[in-house]
Amino acid sequence: MPGVDITAQEFRELFSAVSNWGRWDDGGERGALNHLTPARIAAAARLVRSGTTITLSQPLETEARADVPQPADHHMTMLPGEDGFAKDYIGVDYHNEGQSHIDAFCHVAFGGFIFDGSPASSVTPQGARAGTIDVLEDGLVGRGVLVDVPRTRGVPWVEPGNHVFPEDLEAAERAQGVRVGTGDILLVRTGQTRRLAELGPWDTRQAKAGLHPTAASFLADRRVAALGSDGNSDTAPSTTEGVGFPIHVLALNAMGVHLLDYLQFEDVARHCEAAQRWEFLFAAAPLRVVGGTGSPINPTAIF
């Protein structure tokens, strides 16, 4: 197993090695979505056989816990009585622990820039002018591949603070008989949702399983279009010098790979295990937040 500590210099070198800056002539709008062509979306649609649909989202959390420090605000604004309408309100600061969401490129700046060299100042109090979630206004649809790391390790979950290395992803591919390819939406299960259900809440901001920064080389080599996790893809605490969220920086800022954070894979993992099938049509539609840094999301696996 490789060492876990990454120096600042090693991180800068890794950033440069996986960077997609200037790769596509679209001003940094689509990033790795350029790998997800209409032909690959059509091929993913052909994976649908039974029509079974499974959510990959957690329920919207409205009560504060150790793992949900900023719950959503949900309250009724109108009650129907015997006749009439019922209405309710929802508000959520979704870039937080426990809320299923997707990150746009403008969510993370590094060295004064967001993906493809747009200045961090392009994110203003009125919203962002570059790297926004608007690019996914027509949805994120493609081949989803679930990589179940705890299954391969023979454990119920990866313990908080432990890393998932490229070798773990490759071992899971071999064990599952699947290979992540160009334009795929890669979903990495660490088992965090199961651990929370069985052992109860803990402060996941301080301790969670996630990808080691070197796993970015796997993402780059396979040319994935998007990355999702049942955590936020980063390990806590970080073992990268000076960078608290190295996978966020490498994926969003260097590679232009959208991140889907705090999903849940327990339902789909059981289905995949029973069917011995780890690929499916993935479909998700972010809210149309103009100039937004991301969106709450409810992705679906379709078999």
Protein backbone atom coordinates (compact mmCIF):
# COMPACT_ATOMS: atom_id res chain seq x y z
CA MET A 1 0.00 0.00 0.00
CA PRO A 2 1.46 3.41 -0.96
CA GLY A 3 2.17 6.07 1.62
CA VAL A 4 -0.67 8.35 2.55
CA ASP A 5 1.09 11.69 3.06
CA ILE A 6 1.28 14.07 0.09
CA THR A 7 3.57 17.09 0.23
CA ALA A 8 2.56 20.44 -1.25
CA GLN A 9 5.05 19.93 -4.08
CA GLU A 10 3.76 16.43 -4.82
CA PHE A 11 0.21 17.78 -4.91
CA ARG A 12 1.14 20.52 -7.38
CA GLU A 13 2.78 17.89 -9.59
CA LEU A 14 -0.31 15.68 -9.40
CA PHE A 15 -2.51 18.68 -10.22
CA SER A 16 -0.47 19.35 -13.36
CA ALA A 17 -0.41 15.68 -14.36
CA VAL A 18 -4.21 15.28 -14.34
CA SER A 19 -5.14 18.82 -15.44
CA ASN A 20 -7.57 19.30 -18.32
CA TRP A 21 -7.02 23.06 -18.56
CA GLY A 22 -7.11 24.09 -22.21
CA ARG A 23 -8.00 20.60 -23.40
CA TRP A 24 -11.35 21.57 -24.92
CA ASP A 25 -12.22 24.69 -26.86
CA ASP A 26 -15.33 25.62 -24.90
CA GLY A 27 -14.00 28.07 -22.34
CA GLY A 28 -14.02 25.50 -19.58
CA GLU A 29 -17.79 25.15 -19.67
CA ARG A 30 -18.20 21.38 -19.90
CA GLY A 31 -14.94 19.94 -18.65
CA ALA A 32 -14.99 16.15 -18.52
CA LEU A 33 -18.61 16.18 -19.70
CA ASN A 34 -16.98 16.36 -23.12
CA HIS A 35 -16.25 12.65 -22.65
CA LEU A 36 -19.97 11.98 -22.27
CA THR A 37 -21.02 12.09 -25.92
CA PRO A 38 -24.54 11.53 -27.31
CA ALA A 39 -23.38 8.13 -28.56
CA ARG A 40 -22.28 7.12 -25.06
CA ILE A 41 -25.58 8.32 -23.58
CA ALA A 42 -27.47 6.25 -26.17
CA ALA A 43 -25.32 3.23 -25.32
CA ALA A 44 -26.08 3.72 -21.62
CA ALA A 45 -29.80 3.77 -22.38
CA ARG A 46 -29.45 0.31 -23.89
CA LEU A 47 -28.45 -0.99 -20.45
CA VAL A 48 -32.08 -0.70 -19.33
CA ARG A 49 -33.69 -4.16 -19.29
CA SER A 50 -36.08 -4.59 -16.35
CA GLY A 51 -37.06 -0.95 -15.87
CA THR A 52 -36.20 -1.14 -12.15
CA THR A 53 -35.39 2.29 -10.70
CA ILE A 54 -33.44 2.91 -7.48
CA THR A 55 -32.72 6.24 -5.84
CA LEU A 56 -29.13 7.10 -5.00
CA SER A 57 -30.07 10.03 -2.77
CA GLN A 58 -30.44 10.35 0.96
CA PRO A 59 -33.71 11.76 2.30
CA LEU A 60 -33.49 15.51 2.84
CA GLU A 61 -32.25 15.87 6.42
CA THR A 62 -34.22 18.40 8.47
CA GLU A 63 -32.91 17.69 11.98
CA ALA A 64 -29.43 18.56 13.20
CA ARG A 65 -27.10 15.69 14.13
CA ALA A 66 -23.36 15.25 14.44
CA ASP A 67 -23.26 14.24 10.77
CA VAL A 68 -25.82 16.88 9.67
CA PRO A 69 -24.59 20.18 11.14
CA GLN A 70 -26.75 22.33 8.85
CA PRO A 71 -30.10 20.63 8.24
CA ALA A 72 -32.61 21.73 5.66
CA ASP A 73 -35.46 24.04 6.66
CA HIS A 74 -38.81 22.43 5.89
CA HIS A 75 -42.06 23.85 7.20
CA MET A 76 -45.68 24.11 6.18
CA THR A 77 -46.90 27.40 4.73
CA MET A 78 -50.54 26.42 4.25
CA LEU A 79 -52.83 23.72 5.65
CA PRO A 80 -55.85 22.52 3.66
CA GLY A 81 -58.59 22.25 6.27
CA GLU A 82 -61.48 20.15 4.97
CA ASP A 83 -61.14 21.66 1.49
CA GLY A 84 -58.23 23.56 -0.02
CA PHE A 85 -54.51 23.39 -0.63
CA ALA A 86 -51.54 22.35 1.44
CA LYS A 87 -48.22 24.05 0.79
CA ASP A 88 -44.74 23.79 2.23
CA TYR A 89 -41.37 25.50 2.04
CA ILE A 90 -37.92 23.99 1.71
CA GLY A 91 -34.57 25.72 1.99
CA VAL A 92 -31.16 24.09 2.23
CA ASP A 93 -27.51 25.17 2.40
CA TYR A 94 -26.69 22.02 0.47
CA HIS A 95 -22.87 22.11 0.30
CA ASN A 96 -22.72 20.42 3.69
CA GLU A 97 -22.51 17.03 5.34
CA GLY A 98 -25.56 14.83 5.00
CA GLN A 99 -27.30 16.51 2.06
CA SER A 100 -27.14 14.82 -1.35
CA HIS A 101 -25.92 17.38 -3.86
CA ILE A 102 -23.79 18.02 -6.93
CA ASP A 103 -20.86 20.44 -7.10
CA ALA A 104 -20.26 22.76 -10.03
CA PHE A 105 -16.72 23.74 -11.03
CA CYS A 106 -17.08 27.18 -9.43
CA HIS A 107 -17.57 25.54 -6.02
CA VAL A 108 -13.79 25.32 -5.48
CA ALA A 109 -11.04 27.84 -6.20
CA PHE A 110 -7.35 26.97 -5.97
CA GLY A 111 -4.51 29.41 -6.36
CA GLY A 112 -6.96 32.15 -7.33
CA PHE A 113 -8.64 30.24 -10.16
CA ILE A 114 -11.44 27.83 -10.88
CA PHE A 115 -11.40 25.19 -13.63
CA ASP A 116 -9.66 26.08 -16.88
CA GLY A 117 -8.22 29.31 -15.51
CA SER A 118 -11.30 31.42 -14.87
CA PRO A 119 -10.54 33.81 -11.99
CA ALA A 120 -11.99 33.10 -8.58
CA SER A 121 -13.43 36.64 -8.74
CA SER A 122 -15.90 35.38 -11.36
CA VAL A 123 -17.88 34.06 -8.38
CA THR A 124 -19.76 37.12 -7.09
CA PRO A 125 -22.43 37.83 -4.47
CA GLN A 126 -24.96 37.66 -7.30
CA GLY A 127 -23.74 34.21 -8.38
CA ALA A 128 -20.98 32.79 -10.53
CA ARG A 129 -20.20 33.81 -14.10
CA ALA A 130 -18.12 30.75 -15.00
CA GLY A 131 -18.11 27.07 -14.14
CA THR A 132 -21.72 27.09 -12.99
CA ILE A 133 -24.27 24.31 -12.63
CA ASP A 134 -26.16 25.78 -15.59
CA VAL A 135 -24.11 23.50 -17.86
CA LEU A 136 -26.23 20.58 -16.60
CA GLU A 137 -29.60 22.20 -17.24
CA ASP A 138 -30.44 19.27 -19.56
CA GLY A 139 -29.46 16.73 -16.93
CA LEU A 140 -26.63 14.31 -16.26
CA VAL A 141 -27.36 11.03 -18.00
CA GLY A 142 -24.94 8.23 -18.83
CA ARG A 143 -23.50 4.89 -17.80
CA GLY A 144 -23.25 4.63 -14.05
CA VAL A 145 -20.73 2.21 -12.56
CA LEU A 146 -20.81 1.34 -8.87
CA VAL A 147 -17.40 0.40 -7.44
CA ASP A 148 -17.99 -1.27 -4.05
CA VAL A 149 -14.74 -0.98 -2.11
CA PRO A 150 -15.93 -2.55 1.20
CA ARG A 151 -17.25 -5.59 -0.70
CA THR A 152 -13.84 -6.20 -2.23
CA ARG A 153 -12.08 -5.72 1.11
CA GLY A 154 -14.54 -8.09 2.82
CA VAL A 155 -15.72 -5.48 5.33
CA PRO A 156 -19.06 -3.68 5.84
CA TRP A 157 -17.48 -0.26 5.36
CA VAL A 158 -14.18 1.55 5.03
CA GLU A 159 -13.33 2.99 8.43
CA PRO A 160 -13.37 6.80 8.76
CA GLY A 161 -9.97 8.31 8.07
CA ASN A 162 -8.91 5.51 5.74
CA HIS A 163 -8.08 6.12 2.10
CA VAL A 164 -9.29 4.42 -1.07
CA PHE A 165 -6.31 4.07 -3.42
CA PRO A 166 -6.26 3.47 -7.19
CA GLU A 167 -5.36 -0.14 -6.43
CA ASP A 168 -8.61 -0.49 -4.48
CA LEU A 169 -10.65 0.75 -7.43
CA GLU A 170 -8.87 -1.65 -9.78
CA ALA A 171 -9.33 -4.56 -7.37
CA ALA A 172 -13.06 -3.81 -7.10
CA GLU A 173 -13.33 -3.75 -10.90
CA ARG A 174 -11.77 -7.20 -11.11
CA ALA A 175 -13.93 -8.61 -8.32
CA GLN A 176 -17.10 -7.21 -9.89
CA GLY A 177 -16.23 -8.04 -13.48
CA VAL A 178 -16.71 -4.47 -14.65
CA ARG A 179 -14.40 -1.79 -16.02
CA VAL A 180 -14.84 1.96 -15.70
CA GLY A 181 -14.58 3.61 -19.10
CA THR A 182 -14.65 6.90 -20.96
CA GLY A 183 -17.62 9.10 -20.15
CA ASP A 184 -18.80 7.01 -17.20
CA ILE A 185 -20.32 8.35 -14.00
CA LEU A 186 -18.16 6.61 -11.40
CA LEU A 187 -19.83 5.93 -8.04
CA VAL A 188 -17.53 4.84 -5.21
CA ARG A 189 -19.09 3.14 -2.20
CA THR A 190 -17.23 3.46 1.10
CA GLY A 191 -20.15 2.23 3.22
CA GLN A 192 -20.48 5.45 5.21
CA THR A 193 -24.30 5.32 5.02
CA ARG A 194 -24.33 1.79 6.46
CA ARG A 195 -21.93 2.74 9.24
CA LEU A 196 -24.14 5.67 10.22
CA ALA A 197 -27.20 3.42 10.25
CA GLU A 198 -25.56 0.70 12.36
CA LEU A 199 -23.30 2.66 14.71
CA GLY A 200 -25.03 6.04 14.84
CA PRO A 201 -23.89 9.56 13.97
CA TRP A 202 -20.40 10.94 14.40
CA ASP A 203 -18.79 14.16 13.23
CA THR A 204 -18.09 13.14 9.65
CA ARG A 205 -16.42 16.49 9.01
CA GLN A 206 -13.54 15.27 11.18
CA ALA A 207 -13.38 11.62 10.11
CA LYS A 208 -14.60 9.98 6.91
CA ALA A 209 -13.33 7.51 4.33
CA GLY A 210 -12.55 8.85 0.87
CA LEU A 211 -10.29 8.72 -2.13
CA HIS A 212 -6.58 9.24 -1.75
CA PRO A 213 -5.35 12.06 -4.02
CA THR A 214 -3.49 9.54 -6.17
CA ALA A 215 -6.88 8.13 -7.19
CA ALA A 216 -7.15 11.20 -9.43
CA SER A 217 -4.82 9.38 -11.82
CA PHE A 218 -7.46 6.64 -12.13
CA LEU A 219 -10.13 9.24 -12.95
CA ALA A 220 -7.87 10.82 -15.55
CA ASP A 221 -6.77 7.55 -17.16
CA ARG A 222 -10.35 6.29 -17.44
CA ARG A 223 -11.68 9.69 -18.56
CA VAL A 224 -14.70 9.63 -16.26
CA ALA A 225 -17.35 12.30 -16.73
CA ALA A 226 -18.44 12.64 -13.10
CA LEU A 227 -17.65 11.16 -9.69
CA GLY A 228 -20.05 10.34 -6.86
CA SER A 229 -19.57 9.06 -3.33
CA ASP A 230 -21.51 8.24 -0.18
CA GLY A 231 -19.19 10.74 1.51
CA ASN A 232 -17.82 13.72 -0.35
CA SER A 233 -15.01 11.77 -2.11
CA ASP A 234 -12.39 13.32 0.20
CA THR A 235 -10.86 11.57 3.19
CA ALA A 236 -11.03 13.36 6.53
CA PRO A 237 -8.67 14.28 7.94
CA SER A 238 -6.68 15.21 4.85
CA THR A 239 -3.14 13.90 4.57
CA THR A 240 -2.20 16.44 1.88
CA GLU A 241 -0.02 19.31 3.03
CA GLY A 242 -1.95 22.58 3.00
CA VAL A 243 -5.02 21.22 1.17
CA GLY A 244 -8.08 20.22 3.17
CA PHE A 245 -10.08 18.79 0.26
CA PRO A 246 -7.57 17.51 -2.31
CA ILE A 247 -10.04 15.43 -4.34
CA HIS A 248 -12.34 18.44 -4.64
CA VAL A 249 -9.44 20.48 -5.95
CA LEU A 250 -8.20 17.78 -8.34
CA ALA A 251 -11.64 16.81 -9.67
CA LEU A 252 -13.42 20.15 -9.90
CA ASN A 253 -10.50 22.51 -10.41
CA ALA A 254 -7.86 20.51 -12.29
CA MET A 255 -9.93 17.99 -14.23
CA GLY A 256 -13.36 19.56 -14.64
CA VAL A 257 -15.10 16.51 -13.16
CA HIS A 258 -18.40 17.23 -11.41
CA LEU A 259 -18.74 15.74 -7.92
CA LEU A 260 -21.86 14.23 -6.40
CA ASP A 261 -21.58 14.24 -2.62
CA TYR A 262 -23.36 12.37 0.19
CA LEU A 263 -25.30 9.95 -1.94
CA GLN A 264 -26.42 6.57 -0.58
CA PHE A 265 -25.56 3.30 -2.28
CA GLU A 266 -26.95 0.71 0.13
CA ASP A 267 -30.12 0.07 -1.90
CA VAL A 268 -28.38 -0.08 -5.26
CA ALA A 269 -25.49 -2.16 -3.87
CA ARG A 270 -27.93 -4.87 -2.74
CA HIS A 271 -29.54 -4.88 -6.17
CA CYS A 272 -26.18 -5.02 -7.93
CA GLU A 273 -25.04 -7.90 -5.71
CA ALA A 274 -28.20 -9.89 -6.36
CA ALA A 275 -28.07 -9.29 -10.10
CA GLN A 276 -24.27 -9.51 -10.31
CA ARG A 277 -24.46 -6.39 -12.41
CA TRP A 278 -22.65 -3.18 -11.51
CA GLU A 279 -23.50 -0.93 -14.49
CA PHE A 280 -26.77 0.83 -15.19
CA LEU A 281 -28.31 3.92 -16.72
CA PHE A 282 -27.66 6.86 -14.43
CA ALA A 283 -29.98 9.87 -14.59
CA ALA A 284 -30.03 13.06 -12.52
CA ALA A 285 -31.39 16.56 -13.05
CA PRO A 286 -29.92 19.41 -10.97
CA LEU A 287 -32.16 22.36 -10.24
CA ARG A 288 -31.77 25.20 -12.72
CA VAL A 289 -29.98 27.55 -10.35
CA VAL A 290 -28.70 30.32 -12.62
CA GLY A 291 -25.12 31.09 -11.65
CA GLY A 292 -25.26 28.35 -9.04
CA THR A 293 -22.34 26.54 -7.44
CA GLY A 294 -24.29 23.27 -7.43
CA SER A 295 -27.70 21.88 -6.58
CA PRO A 296 -29.49 19.41 -4.35
CA ILE A 297 -29.96 16.24 -6.37
CA ASN A 298 -31.80 12.91 -6.45
CA PRO A 299 -29.96 10.63 -8.90
CA THR A 300 -31.55 7.41 -10.09
CA ALA A 301 -30.06 4.09 -11.19
CA ILE A 302 -32.16 2.41 -13.89
CA PHE A 303 -31.68 -1.30 -14.62
